[in-house]
Amino acid sequence: MGAHRQLGRRETPGSSTARPYLYPDASHAINGEYPDRLCDDVAAFVAKNS
C-alpha cells in the first residue's frame, strides 16, 4: 500500500476518478511522438487531482 492511500479505503471497480488518455496513432514511444500533448495531459491531470 502506497503512502498516498488512506488506510481502510477499499477500491472497487469504477471507484477511481482517473480516466485514460488515448493516443490512437501512438506506438510504444509515445513520449517521443507526442511530447507536447503528453506534457499538457499530465499537467492537466496533476492540476485536477492535486
PDB file of N, CA and C in Angstrom:
ATOM      1  N   MET A   1       0.855  -1.182   0.000  1.00  0.00           N
ATOM      2  CA  MET A   1       0.000   0.000   0.000  1.00  0.00           C
ATOM      3  C   MET A   1       0.889   1.230   0.000  1.00  0.00           C
ATOM      4  N   GLY A   2       0.669   2.115  -0.945  1.00  0.00           N
ATOM      5  CA  GLY A   2       1.470   3.329  -1.037  1.00  0.00           C
ATOM      6  C   GLY A   2       1.094   4.341   0.034  1.00  0.00           C
ATOM      7  N   ALA A   3       1.986   5.254   0.282  1.00  0.00           N
ATOM      8  CA  ALA A   3       1.781   6.274   1.312  1.00  0.00           C
ATOM      9  C   ALA A   3       0.639   7.224   0.960  1.00  0.00           C
ATOM     10  N   HIS A   4       0.283   7.311  -0.305  1.00  0.00           N
ATOM     11  CA  HIS A   4      -0.765   8.231  -0.716  1.00  0.00           C
ATOM     12  C   HIS A   4      -2.176   7.684  -0.491  1.00  0.00           C
ATOM     13  N   ARG A   5      -2.283   6.436  -0.131  1.00  0.00           N
ATOM     14  CA  ARG A   5      -3.604   5.843   0.092  1.00  0.00           C
ATOM     15  C   ARG A   5      -3.990   5.913   1.562  1.00  0.00           C
ATOM     16  N   GLN A   6      -5.244   6.123   1.799  1.00  0.00           N
ATOM     17  CA  GLN A   6      -5.742   6.168   3.164  1.00  0.00           C
ATOM     18  C   GLN A   6      -6.000   4.751   3.651  1.00  0.00           C
ATOM     19  N   LEU A   7      -5.658   4.491   4.899  1.00  0.00           N
ATOM     20  CA  LEU A   7      -5.918   3.183   5.473  1.00  0.00           C
ATOM     21  C   LEU A   7      -7.411   2.935   5.531  1.00  0.00           C
ATOM     22  N   GLY A   8      -7.806   1.737   5.220  1.00  0.00           N
ATOM     23  CA  GLY A   8      -9.205   1.374   5.298  1.00  0.00           C
ATOM     24  C   GLY A   8     -10.006   1.678   4.047  1.00  0.00           C
ATOM     25  N   ARG A   9      -9.424   2.364   3.114  1.00  0.00           N
ATOM     26  CA  ARG A   9     -10.148   2.665   1.886  1.00  0.00           C
ATOM     27  C   ARG A   9     -10.160   1.432   0.990  1.00  0.00           C
ATOM     28  N   ARG A  10     -11.312   1.088   0.513  1.00  0.00           N
ATOM     29  CA  ARG A  10     -11.450  -0.076  -0.342  1.00  0.00           C
ATOM     30  C   ARG A  10     -11.696   0.377  -1.769  1.00  0.00           C
ATOM     31  N   GLU A  11     -10.860  -0.090  -2.654  1.00  0.00           N
ATOM     32  CA  GLU A  11     -11.053   0.250  -4.055  1.00  0.00           C
ATOM     33  C   GLU A  11     -11.931  -0.798  -4.707  1.00  0.00           C
ATOM     34  N   THR A  12     -12.873  -0.344  -5.462  1.00  0.00           N
ATOM     35  CA  THR A  12     -13.769  -1.229  -6.182  1.00  0.00           C
ATOM     36  C   THR A  12     -13.760  -0.832  -7.647  1.00  0.00           C
ATOM     37  N   PRO A  13     -14.176  -1.720  -8.517  1.00  0.00           N
ATOM     38  CA  PRO A  13     -14.226  -1.345  -9.930  1.00  0.00           C
ATOM     39  C   PRO A  13     -15.068  -0.083 -10.119  1.00  0.00           C
ATOM     40  N   GLY A  14     -14.511   0.866 -10.814  1.00  0.00           N
ATOM     41  CA  GLY A  14     -15.218   2.112 -11.067  1.00  0.00           C
ATOM     42  C   GLY A  14     -15.055   3.153  -9.973  1.00  0.00           C
ATOM     43  N   SER A  15     -14.295   2.826  -8.895  1.00  0.00           N
ATOM     44  CA  SER A  15     -14.155   3.790  -7.811  1.00  0.00           C
ATOM     45  C   SER A  15     -13.099   4.854  -8.102  1.00  0.00           C
ATOM     46  N   SER A  16     -12.256   4.619  -9.073  1.00  0.00           N
ATOM     47  CA  SER A  16     -11.220   5.577  -9.421  1.00  0.00           C
ATOM     48  C   SER A  16     -11.811   6.707 -10.253  1.00  0.00           C
ATOM     49  N   THR A  17     -11.335   7.917 -10.012  1.00  0.00           N
ATOM     50  CA  THR A  17     -11.776   9.049 -10.815  1.00  0.00           C
ATOM     51  C   THR A  17     -10.867   9.261 -12.016  1.00  0.00           C
ATOM     52  N   ALA A  18      -9.772   8.519 -12.087  1.00  0.00           N
ATOM     53  CA  ALA A  18      -8.840   8.652 -13.202  1.00  0.00           C
ATOM     54  C   ALA A  18      -9.434   8.030 -14.462  1.00  0.00           C
ATOM     55  N   ARG A  19      -9.213   8.673 -15.564  1.00  0.00           N
ATOM     56  CA  ARG A  19      -9.655   8.163 -16.855  1.00  0.00           C
ATOM     57  C   ARG A  19      -8.458   8.153 -17.791  1.00  0.00           C
ATOM     58  N   PRO A  20      -8.391   7.164 -18.662  1.00  0.00           N
ATOM     59  CA  PRO A  20      -7.237   7.080 -19.560  1.00  0.00           C
ATOM     60  C   PRO A  20      -7.238   8.180 -20.613  1.00  0.00           C
ATOM     61  N   TYR A  21      -6.069   8.583 -20.999  1.00  0.00           N
ATOM     62  CA  TYR A  21      -5.905   9.497 -22.124  1.00  0.00           C
ATOM     63  C   TYR A  21      -5.531   8.623 -23.318  1.00  0.00           C
ATOM     64  N   LEU A  22      -6.191   8.814 -24.434  1.00  0.00           N
ATOM     65  CA  LEU A  22      -5.965   7.975 -25.597  1.00  0.00           C
ATOM     66  C   LEU A  22      -5.156   8.712 -26.653  1.00  0.00           C
ATOM     67  N   TYR A  23      -4.221   7.983 -27.202  1.00  0.00           N
ATOM     68  CA  TYR A  23      -3.383   8.453 -28.300  1.00  0.00           C
ATOM     69  C   TYR A  23      -3.467   7.370 -29.381  1.00  0.00           C
ATOM     70  N   PRO A  24      -4.520   7.361 -30.179  1.00  0.00           N
ATOM     71  CA  PRO A  24      -4.789   6.253 -31.098  1.00  0.00           C
ATOM     72  C   PRO A  24      -3.674   5.938 -32.098  1.00  0.00           C
ATOM     73  N   ASP A  25      -2.933   6.942 -32.514  1.00  0.00           N
ATOM     74  CA  ASP A  25      -1.893   6.709 -33.517  1.00  0.00           C
ATOM     75  C   ASP A  25      -0.510   6.488 -32.921  1.00  0.00           C
ATOM     76  N   ALA A  26      -0.403   6.422 -31.627  1.00  0.00           N
ATOM     77  CA  ALA A  26       0.907   6.305 -30.973  1.00  0.00           C
ATOM     78  C   ALA A  26       1.404   4.864 -30.962  1.00  0.00           C
ATOM     79  N   SER A  27       2.715   4.735 -30.962  1.00  0.00           N
ATOM     80  CA  SER A  27       3.340   3.427 -30.796  1.00  0.00           C
ATOM     81  C   SER A  27       3.801   3.320 -29.348  1.00  0.00           C
ATOM     82  N   HIS A  28       4.773   2.476 -29.101  1.00  0.00           N
ATOM     83  CA  HIS A  28       5.310   2.337 -27.741  1.00  0.00           C
ATOM     84  C   HIS A  28       6.147   3.549 -27.333  1.00  0.00           C
ATOM     85  N   ALA A  29       6.490   4.407 -28.269  1.00  0.00           N
ATOM     86  CA  ALA A  29       7.358   5.553 -27.992  1.00  0.00           C
ATOM     87  C   ALA A  29       6.556   6.844 -27.906  1.00  0.00           C
ATOM     88  N   ILE A  30       5.507   6.815 -27.103  1.00  0.00           N
ATOM     89  CA  ILE A  30       4.577   7.943 -27.028  1.00  0.00           C
ATOM     90  C   ILE A  30       5.258   9.236 -26.591  1.00  0.00           C
ATOM     91  N   ASN A  31       6.237   9.137 -25.702  1.00  0.00           N
ATOM     92  CA  ASN A  31       6.903  10.354 -25.221  1.00  0.00           C
ATOM     93  C   ASN A  31       7.704  11.044 -26.318  1.00  0.00           C
ATOM     94  N   GLY A  32       8.145  10.320 -27.306  1.00  0.00           N
ATOM     95  CA  GLY A  32       8.862  10.918 -28.428  1.00  0.00           C
ATOM     96  C   GLY A  32       7.937  11.367 -29.543  1.00  0.00           C
ATOM     97  N   GLU A  33       6.785  10.750 -29.644  1.00  0.00           N
ATOM     98  CA  GLU A  33       5.849  11.065 -30.715  1.00  0.00           C
ATOM     99  C   GLU A  33       4.921  12.241 -30.387  1.00  0.00           C
ATOM    100  N   TYR A  34       4.528  12.340 -29.137  1.00  0.00           N
ATOM    101  CA  TYR A  34       3.593  13.380 -28.718  1.00  0.00           C
ATOM    102  C   TYR A  34       4.076  14.081 -27.437  1.00  0.00           C
ATOM    103  N   PRO A  35       5.295  14.612 -27.432  1.00  0.00           N
ATOM    104  CA  PRO A  35       5.816  15.175 -26.173  1.00  0.00           C
ATOM    105  C   PRO A  35       5.013  16.358 -25.640  1.00  0.00           C
ATOM    106  N   ASP A  36       4.558  17.234 -26.518  1.00  0.00           N
ATOM    107  CA  ASP A  36       3.804  18.412 -26.064  1.00  0.00           C
ATOM    108  C   ASP A  36       2.422  18.029 -25.542  1.00  0.00           C
ATOM    109  N   ARG A  37       1.744  17.166 -26.255  1.00  0.00           N
ATOM    110  CA  ARG A  37       0.416  16.728 -25.815  1.00  0.00           C
ATOM    111  C   ARG A  37       0.515  15.940 -24.507  1.00  0.00           C
ATOM    112  N   LEU A  38       1.513  15.077 -24.402  1.00  0.00           N
ATOM    113  CA  LEU A  38       1.702  14.300 -23.181  1.00  0.00           C
ATOM    114  C   LEU A  38       1.978  15.210 -21.991  1.00  0.00           C
ATOM    115  N   CYS A  39       2.812  16.194 -22.181  1.00  0.00           N
ATOM    116  CA  CYS A  39       3.121  17.160 -21.122  1.00  0.00           C
ATOM    117  C   CYS A  39       1.858  17.916 -20.696  1.00  0.00           C
ATOM    118  N   ASP A  40       1.074  18.346 -21.656  1.00  0.00           N
ATOM    119  CA  ASP A  40      -0.169  19.066 -21.352  1.00  0.00           C
ATOM    120  C   ASP A  40      -1.162  18.175 -20.611  1.00  0.00           C
ATOM    121  N   ASP A  41      -1.275  16.915 -21.042  1.00  0.00           N
ATOM    122  CA  ASP A  41      -2.207  15.987 -20.398  1.00  0.00           C
ATOM    123  C   ASP A  41      -1.790  15.680 -18.959  1.00  0.00           C
ATOM    124  N   VAL A  42      -0.499  15.483 -18.730  1.00  0.00           N
ATOM    125  CA  VAL A  42      -0.009  15.217 -17.378  1.00  0.00           C
ATOM    126  C   VAL A  42      -0.222  16.431 -16.491  1.00  0.00           C
ATOM    127  N   ALA A  43       0.084  17.611 -16.995  1.00  0.00           N
ATOM    128  CA  ALA A  43      -0.101  18.833 -16.217  1.00  0.00           C
ATOM    129  C   ALA A  43      -1.573  19.040 -15.862  1.00  0.00           C
ATOM    130  N   ALA A  44      -2.470  18.791 -16.801  1.00  0.00           N
ATOM    131  CA  ALA A  44      -3.906  18.935 -16.522  1.00  0.00           C
ATOM    132  C   ALA A  44      -4.371  17.910 -15.492  1.00  0.00           C
ATOM    133  N   PHE A  45      -3.872  16.689 -15.584  1.00  0.00           N
ATOM    134  CA  PHE A  45      -4.246  15.658 -14.617  1.00  0.00           C
ATOM    135  C   PHE A  45      -3.770  16.028 -13.217  1.00  0.00           C
ATOM    136  N   VAL A  46      -2.530  16.484 -13.111  1.00  0.00           N
ATOM    137  CA  VAL A  46      -1.979  16.871 -11.806  1.00  0.00           C
ATOM    138  C   VAL A  46      -2.748  18.057 -11.225  1.00  0.00           C
ATOM    139  N   ALA A  47      -3.041  19.042 -12.057  1.00  0.00           N
ATOM    140  CA  ALA A  47      -3.787  20.211 -11.576  1.00  0.00           C
ATOM    141  C   ALA A  47      -5.176  19.824 -11.080  1.00  0.00           C
ATOM    142  N   LYS A  48      -5.806  18.910 -11.759  1.00  0.00           N
ATOM    143  CA  LYS A  48      -7.160  18.497 -11.386  1.00  0.00           C
ATOM    144  C   LYS A  48      -7.164  17.616 -10.135  1.00  0.00           C
ATOM    145  N   ASN A  49      -6.126  16.832  -9.936  1.00  0.00           N
ATOM    146  CA  ASN A  49      -6.123  15.832  -8.872  1.00  0.00           C
ATOM    147  C   ASN A  49      -5.186  16.135  -7.727  1.00  0.00           C
ATOM    148  N   SER A  50      -4.704  17.345  -7.632  1.00  0.00           N
ATOM    149  CA  SER A  50      -3.789  17.714  -6.530  1.00  0.00           C
ATOM    150  C   SER A  50      -4.499  18.552  -5.494  1.00  0.00           C
TER     151      SER A  50
END
